[in-house]
Amino acid sequence: VVATENIPDELMVYVEEEKAEPFYRTYSDGDFMYLCVGYGEQETGGYSISVNALYLAEDGVCFDTTLMGPGPGEEQIASKSYPYIVICTEYIDSPIVFQ
């Protein structure tokens, strides 16, 4: 998982422009491949993203994530949030399958 300050500038510009709607995005700098999933605008804070699977299959790289909302009794920040996750891996010349 890539910390916000380590996300390449070009990818971060895309995230900021598209964060209000759900999105999938790949980015490569030649050596590394970045996989990004955004879940769009949420009414509150307190969300997290679980990576269920990331693996190389015959038909491409599979990347499966799930948005997890605030649990019962958890304090919720009353401002909107835009949860997304960026994963970095070695560059693989293969299709990406987002699930």
PDB file of N, CA and C in Angstrom:
ATOM      1  N   VAL A   1       0.855  -1.171   0.000  1.00  0.00           N
ATOM      2  CA  VAL A   1       0.000   0.000   0.000  1.00  0.00           C
ATOM      3  C   VAL A   1       0.899   1.230   0.000  1.00  0.00           C
ATOM      4  N   VAL A   2       0.588   2.172  -0.873  1.00  0.00           N
ATOM      5  CA  VAL A   2       1.416   3.361  -1.029  1.00  0.00           C
ATOM      6  C   VAL A   2       0.864   4.495  -0.168  1.00  0.00           C
ATOM      7  N   ALA A   3       1.729   5.097   0.638  1.00  0.00           N
ATOM      8  CA  ALA A   3       1.349   6.269   1.428  1.00  0.00           C
ATOM      9  C   ALA A   3       1.078   7.443   0.485  1.00  0.00           C
ATOM     10  N   THR A   4       0.173   8.310   0.867  1.00  0.00           N
ATOM     11  CA  THR A   4      -0.232   9.431   0.021  1.00  0.00           C
ATOM     12  C   THR A   4       0.962  10.225  -0.496  1.00  0.00           C
ATOM     13  N   GLU A   5       1.934  10.494   0.361  1.00  0.00           N
ATOM     14  CA  GLU A   5       3.074  11.308  -0.054  1.00  0.00           C
ATOM     15  C   GLU A   5       3.986  10.599  -1.061  1.00  0.00           C
ATOM     16  N   ASN A   6       3.813   9.278  -1.248  1.00  0.00           N
ATOM     17  CA  ASN A   6       4.635   8.520  -2.190  1.00  0.00           C
ATOM     18  C   ASN A   6       3.921   8.176  -3.494  1.00  0.00           C
ATOM     19  N   ILE A   7       2.691   8.630  -3.642  1.00  0.00           N
ATOM     20  CA  ILE A   7       1.948   8.396  -4.886  1.00  0.00           C
ATOM     21  C   ILE A   7       2.521   9.317  -5.961  1.00  0.00           C
ATOM     22  N   PRO A   8       2.837   8.779  -7.149  1.00  0.00           N
ATOM     23  CA  PRO A   8       3.356   9.639  -8.222  1.00  0.00           C
ATOM     24  C   PRO A   8       2.416  10.813  -8.506  1.00  0.00           C
ATOM     25  N   ASP A   9       3.010  11.965  -8.800  1.00  0.00           N
ATOM     26  CA  ASP A   9       2.235  13.196  -9.003  1.00  0.00           C
ATOM     27  C   ASP A   9       1.145  13.035 -10.052  1.00  0.00           C
ATOM     28  N   GLU A  10       1.463  12.407 -11.188  1.00  0.00           N
ATOM     29  CA  GLU A  10       0.463  12.249 -12.259  1.00  0.00           C
ATOM     30  C   GLU A  10      -0.739  11.441 -11.781  1.00  0.00           C
ATOM     31  N   LEU A  11      -0.491  10.391 -11.008  1.00  0.00           N
ATOM     32  CA  LEU A  11      -1.586   9.571 -10.499  1.00  0.00           C
ATOM     33  C   LEU A  11      -2.383  10.342  -9.451  1.00  0.00           C
ATOM     34  N   MET A  12      -1.709  11.107  -8.616  1.00  0.00           N
ATOM     35  CA  MET A  12      -2.403  11.875  -7.580  1.00  0.00           C
ATOM     36  C   MET A  12      -3.306  12.935  -8.200  1.00  0.00           C
ATOM     37  N   VAL A  13      -2.882  13.550  -9.298  1.00  0.00           N
ATOM     38  CA  VAL A  13      -3.730  14.520 -10.000  1.00  0.00           C
ATOM     39  C   VAL A  13      -5.008  13.831 -10.469  1.00  0.00           C
ATOM     40  N   TYR A  14      -4.877  12.635 -11.044  1.00  0.00           N
ATOM     41  CA  TYR A  14      -6.052  11.885 -11.494  1.00  0.00           C
ATOM     42  C   TYR A  14      -6.983  11.578 -10.314  1.00  0.00           C
ATOM     43  N   VAL A  15      -6.423  11.104  -9.206  1.00  0.00           N
ATOM     44  CA  VAL A  15      -7.236  10.771  -8.024  1.00  0.00           C
ATOM     45  C   VAL A  15      -8.015  11.992  -7.562  1.00  0.00           C
ATOM     46  N   GLU A  16      -7.351  13.130  -7.473  1.00  0.00           N
ATOM     47  CA  GLU A  16      -8.022  14.351  -7.014  1.00  0.00           C
ATOM     48  C   GLU A  16      -9.137  14.775  -7.973  1.00  0.00           C
ATOM     49  N   GLU A  17      -8.925  14.607  -9.260  1.00  0.00           N
ATOM     50  CA  GLU A  17      -9.935  15.005 -10.251  1.00  0.00           C
ATOM     51  C   GLU A  17     -11.124  14.060 -10.270  1.00  0.00           C
ATOM     52  N   GLU A  18     -10.905  12.783  -9.998  1.00  0.00           N
ATOM     53  CA  GLU A  18     -11.944  11.766 -10.165  1.00  0.00           C
ATOM     54  C   GLU A  18     -12.531  11.237  -8.864  1.00  0.00           C
ATOM     55  N   LYS A  19     -12.058  11.677  -7.721  1.00  0.00           N
ATOM     56  CA  LYS A  19     -12.399  11.050  -6.438  1.00  0.00           C
ATOM     57  C   LYS A  19     -13.879  11.092  -6.065  1.00  0.00           C
ATOM     58  N   ALA A  20     -14.661  11.969  -6.634  1.00  0.00           N
ATOM     59  CA  ALA A  20     -16.076  12.065  -6.273  1.00  0.00           C
ATOM     60  C   ALA A  20     -16.892  10.886  -6.790  1.00  0.00           C
ATOM     61  N   GLU A  21     -16.385  10.190  -7.805  1.00  0.00           N
ATOM     62  CA  GLU A  21     -17.072   9.025  -8.376  1.00  0.00           C
ATOM     63  C   GLU A  21     -16.178   7.796  -8.233  1.00  0.00           C
ATOM     64  N   PRO A  22     -16.775   6.607  -8.162  1.00  0.00           N
ATOM     65  CA  PRO A  22     -15.944   5.393  -8.117  1.00  0.00           C
ATOM     66  C   PRO A  22     -15.056   5.298  -9.370  1.00  0.00           C
ATOM     67  N   PHE A  23     -13.829   4.809  -9.187  1.00  0.00           N
ATOM     68  CA  PHE A  23     -12.920   4.677 -10.321  1.00  0.00           C
ATOM     69  C   PHE A  23     -11.912   3.546 -10.110  1.00  0.00           C
ATOM     70  N   TYR A  24     -11.358   3.095 -11.219  1.00  0.00           N
ATOM     71  CA  TYR A  24     -10.247   2.145 -11.262  1.00  0.00           C
ATOM     72  C   TYR A  24      -9.189   2.774 -12.146  1.00  0.00           C
ATOM     73  N   ARG A  25      -7.937   2.660 -11.762  1.00  0.00           N
ATOM     74  CA  ARG A  25      -6.881   3.281 -12.561  1.00  0.00           C
ATOM     75  C   ARG A  25      -5.576   2.516 -12.388  1.00  0.00           C
ATOM     76  N   THR A  26      -4.847   2.388 -13.473  1.00  0.00           N
ATOM     77  CA  THR A  26      -3.490   1.849 -13.393  1.00  0.00           C
ATOM     78  C   THR A  26      -2.539   2.946 -13.858  1.00  0.00           C
ATOM     79  N   TYR A  27      -1.330   2.876 -13.356  1.00  0.00           N
ATOM     80  CA  TYR A  27      -0.296   3.836 -13.724  1.00  0.00           C
ATOM     81  C   TYR A  27       1.034   3.102 -13.665  1.00  0.00           C
ATOM     82  N   SER A  28       1.917   3.391 -14.614  1.00  0.00           N
ATOM     83  CA  SER A  28       3.230   2.756 -14.604  1.00  0.00           C
ATOM     84  C   SER A  28       4.296   3.795 -14.861  1.00  0.00           C
ATOM     85  N   ASP A  29       5.423   3.647 -14.163  1.00  0.00           N
ATOM     86  CA  ASP A  29       6.566   4.515 -14.421  1.00  0.00           C
ATOM     87  C   ASP A  29       7.671   3.749 -15.153  1.00  0.00           C
ATOM     88  N   GLY A  30       7.339   2.564 -15.659  1.00  0.00           N
ATOM     89  CA  GLY A  30       8.298   1.733 -16.364  1.00  0.00           C
ATOM     90  C   GLY A  30       8.884   0.634 -15.503  1.00  0.00           C
ATOM     91  N   ASP A  31       9.153   0.937 -14.244  1.00  0.00           N
ATOM     92  CA  ASP A  31       9.693  -0.054 -13.308  1.00  0.00           C
ATOM     93  C   ASP A  31       8.607  -0.632 -12.413  1.00  0.00           C
ATOM     94  N   PHE A  32       7.672   0.223 -12.034  1.00  0.00           N
ATOM     95  CA  PHE A  32       6.619  -0.180 -11.106  1.00  0.00           C
ATOM     96  C   PHE A  32       5.249   0.068 -11.707  1.00  0.00           C
ATOM     97  N   MET A  33       4.275  -0.696 -11.218  1.00  0.00           N
ATOM     98  CA  MET A  33       2.887  -0.557 -11.636  1.00  0.00           C
ATOM     99  C   MET A  33       2.079  -0.192 -10.391  1.00  0.00           C
ATOM    100  N   TYR A  34       1.238   0.820 -10.539  1.00  0.00           N
ATOM    101  CA  TYR A  34       0.392   1.276  -9.448  1.00  0.00           C
ATOM    102  C   TYR A  34      -1.051   0.938  -9.800  1.00  0.00           C
ATOM    103  N   LEU A  35      -1.744   0.304  -8.885  1.00  0.00           N
ATOM    104  CA  LEU A  35      -3.151  -0.036  -9.059  1.00  0.00           C
ATOM    105  C   LEU A  35      -3.937   0.810  -8.066  1.00  0.00           C
ATOM    106  N   CYS A  36      -4.951   1.497  -8.556  1.00  0.00           N
ATOM    107  CA  CYS A  36      -5.700   2.422  -7.714  1.00  0.00           C
ATOM    108  C   CYS A  36      -7.193   2.154  -7.856  1.00  0.00           C
ATOM    109  N   VAL A  37      -7.869   2.095  -6.724  1.00  0.00           N
ATOM    110  CA  VAL A  37      -9.319   1.932  -6.684  1.00  0.00           C
ATOM    111  C   VAL A  37      -9.880   3.010  -5.773  1.00  0.00           C
ATOM    112  N   GLY A  38     -10.858   3.758  -6.282  1.00  0.00           N
ATOM    113  CA  GLY A  38     -11.540   4.772  -5.484  1.00  0.00           C
ATOM    114  C   GLY A  38     -13.015   4.427  -5.375  1.00  0.00           C
ATOM    115  N   TYR A  39     -13.593   4.708  -4.228  1.00  0.00           N
ATOM    116  CA  TYR A  39     -14.991   4.353  -3.977  1.00  0.00           C
ATOM    117  C   TYR A  39     -15.939   5.552  -4.009  1.00  0.00           C
ATOM    118  N   GLY A  40     -15.470   6.687  -4.480  1.00  0.00           N
ATOM    119  CA  GLY A  40     -16.353   7.837  -4.623  1.00  0.00           C
ATOM    120  C   GLY A  40     -16.665   8.511  -3.297  1.00  0.00           C
ATOM    121  N   GLU A  41     -17.539   9.490  -3.385  1.00  0.00           N
ATOM    122  CA  GLU A  41     -17.895  10.287  -2.215  1.00  0.00           C
ATOM    123  C   GLU A  41     -18.719   9.481  -1.219  1.00  0.00           C
ATOM    124  N   GLN A  42     -18.327   9.556   0.039  1.00  0.00           N
ATOM    125  CA  GLN A  42     -19.072   8.931   1.137  1.00  0.00           C
ATOM    126  C   GLN A  42     -19.537  10.055   2.073  1.00  0.00           C
ATOM    127  N   GLU A  43     -20.657   9.882   2.692  1.00  0.00           N
ATOM    128  CA  GLU A  43     -21.253  10.934   3.524  1.00  0.00           C
ATOM    129  C   GLU A  43     -20.466  11.242   4.796  1.00  0.00           C
ATOM    130  N   THR A  44     -19.696  10.265   5.283  1.00  0.00           N
ATOM    131  CA  THR A  44     -18.940  10.454   6.517  1.00  0.00           C
ATOM    132  C   THR A  44     -17.530   9.897   6.350  1.00  0.00           C
ATOM    133  N   GLY A  45     -16.720  10.102   7.345  1.00  0.00           N
ATOM    134  CA  GLY A  45     -15.402   9.475   7.399  1.00  0.00           C
ATOM    135  C   GLY A  45     -15.515   8.122   8.081  1.00  0.00           C
ATOM    136  N   GLY A  46     -14.392   7.509   8.357  1.00  0.00           N
ATOM    137  CA  GLY A  46     -14.381   6.235   9.070  1.00  0.00           C
ATOM    138  C   GLY A  46     -14.369   5.008   8.177  1.00  0.00           C
ATOM    139  N   TYR A  47     -14.190   5.194   6.874  1.00  0.00           N
ATOM    140  CA  TYR A  47     -14.162   4.063   5.951  1.00  0.00           C
ATOM    141  C   TYR A  47     -12.744   3.533   5.812  1.00  0.00           C
ATOM    142  N   SER A  48     -12.647   2.263   5.494  1.00  0.00           N
ATOM    143  CA  SER A  48     -11.362   1.648   5.165  1.00  0.00           C
ATOM    144  C   SER A  48     -11.572   0.717   3.978  1.00  0.00           C
ATOM    145  N   ILE A  49     -10.466   0.318   3.378  1.00  0.00           N
ATOM    146  CA  ILE A  49     -10.524  -0.550   2.208  1.00  0.00           C
ATOM    147  C   ILE A  49      -9.720  -1.801   2.498  1.00  0.00           C
ATOM    148  N   SER A  50     -10.345  -2.936   2.270  1.00  0.00           N
ATOM    149  CA  SER A  50      -9.697  -4.226   2.467  1.00  0.00           C
ATOM    150  C   SER A  50      -9.250  -4.762   1.109  1.00  0.00           C
ATOM    151  N   VAL A  51      -7.990  -5.232   1.041  1.00  0.00           N
ATOM    152  CA  VAL A  51      -7.506  -5.899  -0.165  1.00  0.00           C
ATOM    153  C   VAL A  51      -7.769  -7.386   0.028  1.00  0.00           C
ATOM    154  N   ASN A  52      -8.714  -7.909  -0.721  1.00  0.00           N
ATOM    155  CA  ASN A  52      -9.087  -9.317  -0.606  1.00  0.00           C
ATOM    156  C   ASN A  52      -8.125 -10.221  -1.360  1.00  0.00           C
ATOM    157  N   ALA A  53      -7.640  -9.738  -2.503  1.00  0.00           N
ATOM    158  CA  ALA A  53      -6.738 -10.555  -3.324  1.00  0.00           C
ATOM    159  C   ALA A  53      -5.975  -9.669  -4.290  1.00  0.00           C
ATOM    160  N   LEU A  54      -4.734 -10.064  -4.547  1.00  0.00           N
ATOM    161  CA  LEU A  54      -3.902  -9.463  -5.575  1.00  0.00           C
ATOM    162  C   LEU A  54      -2.992 -10.571  -6.065  1.00  0.00           C
ATOM    163  N   TYR A  55      -3.255 -11.035  -7.297  1.00  0.00           N
ATOM    164  CA  TYR A  55      -2.479 -12.170  -7.798  1.00  0.00           C
ATOM    165  C   TYR A  55      -2.422 -12.150  -9.319  1.00  0.00           C
ATOM    166  N   LEU A  56      -1.423 -12.852  -9.855  1.00  0.00           N
ATOM    167  CA  LEU A  56      -1.259 -12.996 -11.290  1.00  0.00           C
ATOM    168  C   LEU A  56      -1.933 -14.287 -11.732  1.00  0.00           C
ATOM    169  N   ALA A  57      -2.888 -14.172 -12.660  1.00  0.00           N
ATOM    170  CA  ALA A  57      -3.602 -15.326 -13.217  1.00  0.00           C
ATOM    171  C   ALA A  57      -3.292 -15.405 -14.715  1.00  0.00           C
ATOM    172  N   GLU A  58      -3.795 -16.429 -15.351  1.00  0.00           N
ATOM    173  CA  GLU A  58      -3.563 -16.598 -16.788  1.00  0.00           C
ATOM    174  C   GLU A  58      -4.095 -15.424 -17.607  1.00  0.00           C
ATOM    175  N   ASP A  59      -5.219 -14.842 -17.177  1.00  0.00           N
ATOM    176  CA  ASP A  59      -5.830 -13.757 -17.950  1.00  0.00           C
ATOM    177  C   ASP A  59      -5.415 -12.366 -17.480  1.00  0.00           C
ATOM    178  N   GLY A  60      -4.506 -12.252 -16.521  1.00  0.00           N
ATOM    179  CA  GLY A  60      -4.033 -10.947 -16.076  1.00  0.00           C
ATOM    180  C   GLY A  60      -3.835 -10.876 -14.572  1.00  0.00           C
ATOM    181  N   VAL A  61      -3.598  -9.670 -14.104  1.00  0.00           N
ATOM    182  CA  VAL A  61      -3.431  -9.410 -12.678  1.00  0.00           C
ATOM    183  C   VAL A  61      -4.809  -9.142 -12.093  1.00  0.00           C
ATOM    184  N   CYS A  62      -5.197  -9.889 -11.084  1.00  0.00           N
ATOM    185  CA  CYS A  62      -6.494  -9.716 -10.424  1.00  0.00           C
ATOM    186  C   CYS A  62      -6.304  -8.895  -9.154  1.00  0.00           C
ATOM    187  N   PHE A  63      -7.138  -7.881  -9.001  1.00  0.00           N
ATOM    188  CA  PHE A  63      -7.073  -6.995  -7.834  1.00  0.00           C
ATOM    189  C   PHE A  63      -8.490  -6.852  -7.296  1.00  0.00           C
ATOM    190  N   ASP A  64      -8.723  -7.377  -6.114  1.00  0.00           N
ATOM    191  CA  ASP A  64     -10.057  -7.404  -5.508  1.00  0.00           C
ATOM    192  C   ASP A  64     -10.028  -6.652  -4.187  1.00  0.00           C
ATOM    193  N   THR A  65     -10.889  -5.647  -4.060  1.00  0.00           N
ATOM    194  CA  THR A  65     -10.969  -4.851  -2.836  1.00  0.00           C
ATOM    195  C   THR A  65     -12.421  -4.735  -2.368  1.00  0.00           C
ATOM    196  N   THR A  66     -12.583  -4.359  -1.107  1.00  0.00           N
ATOM    197  CA  THR A  66     -13.904  -4.133  -0.537  1.00  0.00           C
ATOM    198  C   THR A  66     -13.871  -2.875   0.323  1.00  0.00           C
ATOM    199  N   LEU A  67     -14.871  -2.022   0.159  1.00  0.00           N
ATOM    200  CA  LEU A  67     -15.020  -0.850   1.015  1.00  0.00           C
ATOM    201  C   LEU A  67     -15.710  -1.282   2.297  1.00  0.00           C
ATOM    202  N   MET A  68     -15.116  -0.929   3.422  1.00  0.00           N
ATOM    203  CA  MET A  68     -15.709  -1.271   4.720  1.00  0.00           C
ATOM    204  C   MET A  68     -16.081   0.027   5.426  1.00  0.00           C
ATOM    205  N   GLY A  69     -17.358   0.124   5.803  1.00  0.00           N
ATOM    206  CA  GLY A  69     -17.863   1.327   6.449  1.00  0.00           C
ATOM    207  C   GLY A  69     -17.566   1.346   7.926  1.00  0.00           C
ATOM    208  N   PRO A  70     -17.851   2.466   8.542  1.00  0.00           N
ATOM    209  CA  PRO A  70     -17.667   2.555   9.992  1.00  0.00           C
ATOM    210  C   PRO A  70     -18.537   1.511  10.690  1.00  0.00           C
ATOM    211  N   GLY A  71     -17.987   0.875  11.682  1.00  0.00           N
ATOM    212  CA  GLY A  71     -18.724  -0.141  12.428  1.00  0.00           C
ATOM    213  C   GLY A  71     -19.700   0.479  13.410  1.00  0.00           C
ATOM    214  N   PRO A  72     -20.625  -0.325  13.919  1.00  0.00           N
ATOM    215  CA  PRO A  72     -21.571   0.176  14.911  1.00  0.00           C
ATOM    216  C   PRO A  72     -20.821   0.708  16.132  1.00  0.00           C
ATOM    217  N   GLY A  73     -21.211   1.875  16.580  1.00  0.00           N
ATOM    218  CA  GLY A  73     -20.593   2.464  17.754  1.00  0.00           C
ATOM    219  C   GLY A  73     -19.304   3.215  17.474  1.00  0.00           C
ATOM    220  N   GLU A  74     -18.777   3.121  16.254  1.00  0.00           N
ATOM    221  CA  GLU A  74     -17.572   3.880  15.916  1.00  0.00           C
ATOM    222  C   GLU A  74     -17.938   5.340  15.694  1.00  0.00           C
ATOM    223  N   GLU A  75     -17.057   6.206  16.136  1.00  0.00           N
ATOM    224  CA  GLU A  75     -17.271   7.626  15.922  1.00  0.00           C
ATOM    225  C   GLU A  75     -17.124   7.933  14.436  1.00  0.00           C
ATOM    226  N   GLN A  76     -18.087   8.664  13.905  1.00  0.00           N
ATOM    227  CA  GLN A  76     -18.057   9.001  12.482  1.00  0.00           C
ATOM    228  C   GLN A  76     -17.795  10.493  12.326  1.00  0.00           C
ATOM    229  N   ILE A  77     -16.839  10.822  11.494  1.00  0.00           N
ATOM    230  CA  ILE A  77     -16.554  12.217  11.192  1.00  0.00           C
ATOM    231  C   ILE A  77     -17.669  12.713  10.287  1.00  0.00           C
ATOM    232  N   ALA A  78     -18.226  13.862  10.624  1.00  0.00           N
ATOM    233  CA  ALA A  78     -19.412  14.351   9.927  1.00  0.00           C
ATOM    234  C   ALA A  78     -19.119  15.014   8.587  1.00  0.00           C
ATOM    235  N   SER A  79     -17.902  14.918   8.099  1.00  0.00           N
ATOM    236  CA  SER A  79     -17.614  15.506   6.788  1.00  0.00           C
ATOM    237  C   SER A  79     -17.460  14.398   5.750  1.00  0.00           C
ATOM    238  N   LYS A  80     -17.665  14.766   4.510  1.00  0.00           N
ATOM    239  CA  LYS A  80     -17.574  13.791   3.418  1.00  0.00           C
ATOM    240  C   LYS A  80     -16.149  13.254   3.309  1.00  0.00           C
ATOM    241  N   SER A  81     -16.042  12.026   2.808  1.00  0.00           N
ATOM    242  CA  SER A  81     -14.731  11.431   2.582  1.00  0.00           C
ATOM    243  C   SER A  81     -14.712  10.777   1.201  1.00  0.00           C
ATOM    244  N   TYR A  82     -13.511  10.493   0.730  1.00  0.00           N
ATOM    245  CA  TYR A  82     -13.307   9.950  -0.615  1.00  0.00           C
ATOM    246  C   TYR A  82     -12.293   8.808  -0.518  1.00  0.00           C
ATOM    247  N   PRO A  83     -12.710   7.662   0.000  1.00  0.00           N
ATOM    248  CA  PRO A  83     -11.745   6.574   0.221  1.00  0.00           C
ATOM    249  C   PRO A  83     -11.204   5.996  -1.085  1.00  0.00           C
ATOM    250  N   TYR A  84      -9.893   5.807  -1.091  1.00  0.00           N
ATOM    251  CA  TYR A  84      -9.226   5.160  -2.223  1.00  0.00           C
ATOM    252  C   TYR A  84      -7.996   4.443  -1.686  1.00  0.00           C
ATOM    253  N   ILE A  85      -7.473   3.536  -2.501  1.00  0.00           N
ATOM    254  CA  ILE A  85      -6.268   2.812  -2.139  1.00  0.00           C
ATOM    255  C   ILE A  85      -5.371   2.722  -3.366  1.00  0.00           C
ATOM    256  N   VAL A  86      -4.059   2.798  -3.119  1.00  0.00           N
ATOM    257  CA  VAL A  86      -3.064   2.648  -4.183  1.00  0.00           C
ATOM    258  C   VAL A  86      -2.095   1.557  -3.749  1.00  0.00           C
ATOM    259  N   ILE A  87      -1.916   0.578  -4.611  1.00  0.00           N
ATOM    260  CA  ILE A  87      -0.986  -0.531  -4.393  1.00  0.00           C
ATOM    261  C   ILE A  87       0.125  -0.418  -5.433  1.00  0.00           C
ATOM    262  N   CYS A  88       1.351  -0.642  -5.025  1.00  0.00           N
ATOM    263  CA  CYS A  88       2.482  -0.619  -5.944  1.00  0.00           C
ATOM    264  C   CYS A  88       3.087  -2.021  -6.015  1.00  0.00           C
ATOM    265  N   THR A  89       3.378  -2.452  -7.232  1.00  0.00           N
ATOM    266  CA  THR A  89       4.011  -3.746  -7.447  1.00  0.00           C
ATOM    267  C   THR A  89       4.987  -3.612  -8.606  1.00  0.00           C
ATOM    268  N   GLU A  90       5.800  -4.610  -8.818  1.00  0.00           N
ATOM    269  CA  GLU A  90       6.698  -4.560  -9.972  1.00  0.00           C
ATOM    270  C   GLU A  90       5.874  -4.502 -11.247  1.00  0.00           C
ATOM    271  N   TYR A  91       6.425  -3.890 -12.283  1.00  0.00           N
ATOM    272  CA  TYR A  91       5.709  -3.765 -13.544  1.00  0.00           C
ATOM    273  C   TYR A  91       5.512  -5.146 -14.174  1.00  0.00           C
ATOM    274  N   ILE A  92       4.285  -5.413 -14.558  1.00  0.00           N
ATOM    275  CA  ILE A  92       3.936  -6.662 -15.249  1.00  0.00           C
ATOM    276  C   ILE A  92       3.144  -6.269 -16.483  1.00  0.00           C
ATOM    277  N   ASP A  93       3.597  -6.700 -17.641  1.00  0.00           N
ATOM    278  CA  ASP A  93       2.903  -6.387 -18.890  1.00  0.00           C
ATOM    279  C   ASP A  93       1.764  -7.377 -19.078  1.00  0.00           C
ATOM    280  N   SER A  94       0.675  -7.106 -18.387  1.00  0.00           N
ATOM    281  CA  SER A  94      -0.479  -8.006 -18.387  1.00  0.00           C
ATOM    282  C   SER A  94      -1.734  -7.175 -18.103  1.00  0.00           C
ATOM    283  N   PRO A  95      -2.888  -7.588 -18.612  1.00  0.00           N
ATOM    284  CA  PRO A  95      -4.126  -6.876 -18.309  1.00  0.00           C
ATOM    285  C   PRO A  95      -4.412  -6.875 -16.802  1.00  0.00           C
ATOM    286  N   ILE A  96      -5.103  -5.851 -16.344  1.00  0.00           N
ATOM    287  CA  ILE A  96      -5.498  -5.759 -14.932  1.00  0.00           C
ATOM    288  C   ILE A  96      -6.994  -6.036 -14.856  1.00  0.00           C
ATOM    289  N   VAL A  97      -7.388  -6.914 -13.959  1.00  0.00           N
ATOM    290  CA  VAL A  97      -8.799  -7.248 -13.745  1.00  0.00           C
ATOM    291  C   VAL A  97      -9.172  -6.755 -12.353  1.00  0.00           C
ATOM    292  N   PHE A  98      -9.972  -5.687 -12.298  1.00  0.00           N
ATOM    293  CA  PHE A  98     -10.443  -5.149 -11.019  1.00  0.00           C
ATOM    294  C   PHE A  98     -11.723  -5.866 -10.659  1.00  0.00           C
ATOM    295  N   GLN A  99     -11.801  -6.327  -9.427  1.00  0.00           N
ATOM    296  CA  GLN A  99     -13.013  -7.038  -8.973  1.00  0.00           C
ATOM    297  C   GLN A  99     -13.584  -6.355  -7.770  1.00  0.00           C
TER     298      GLN A  99
END
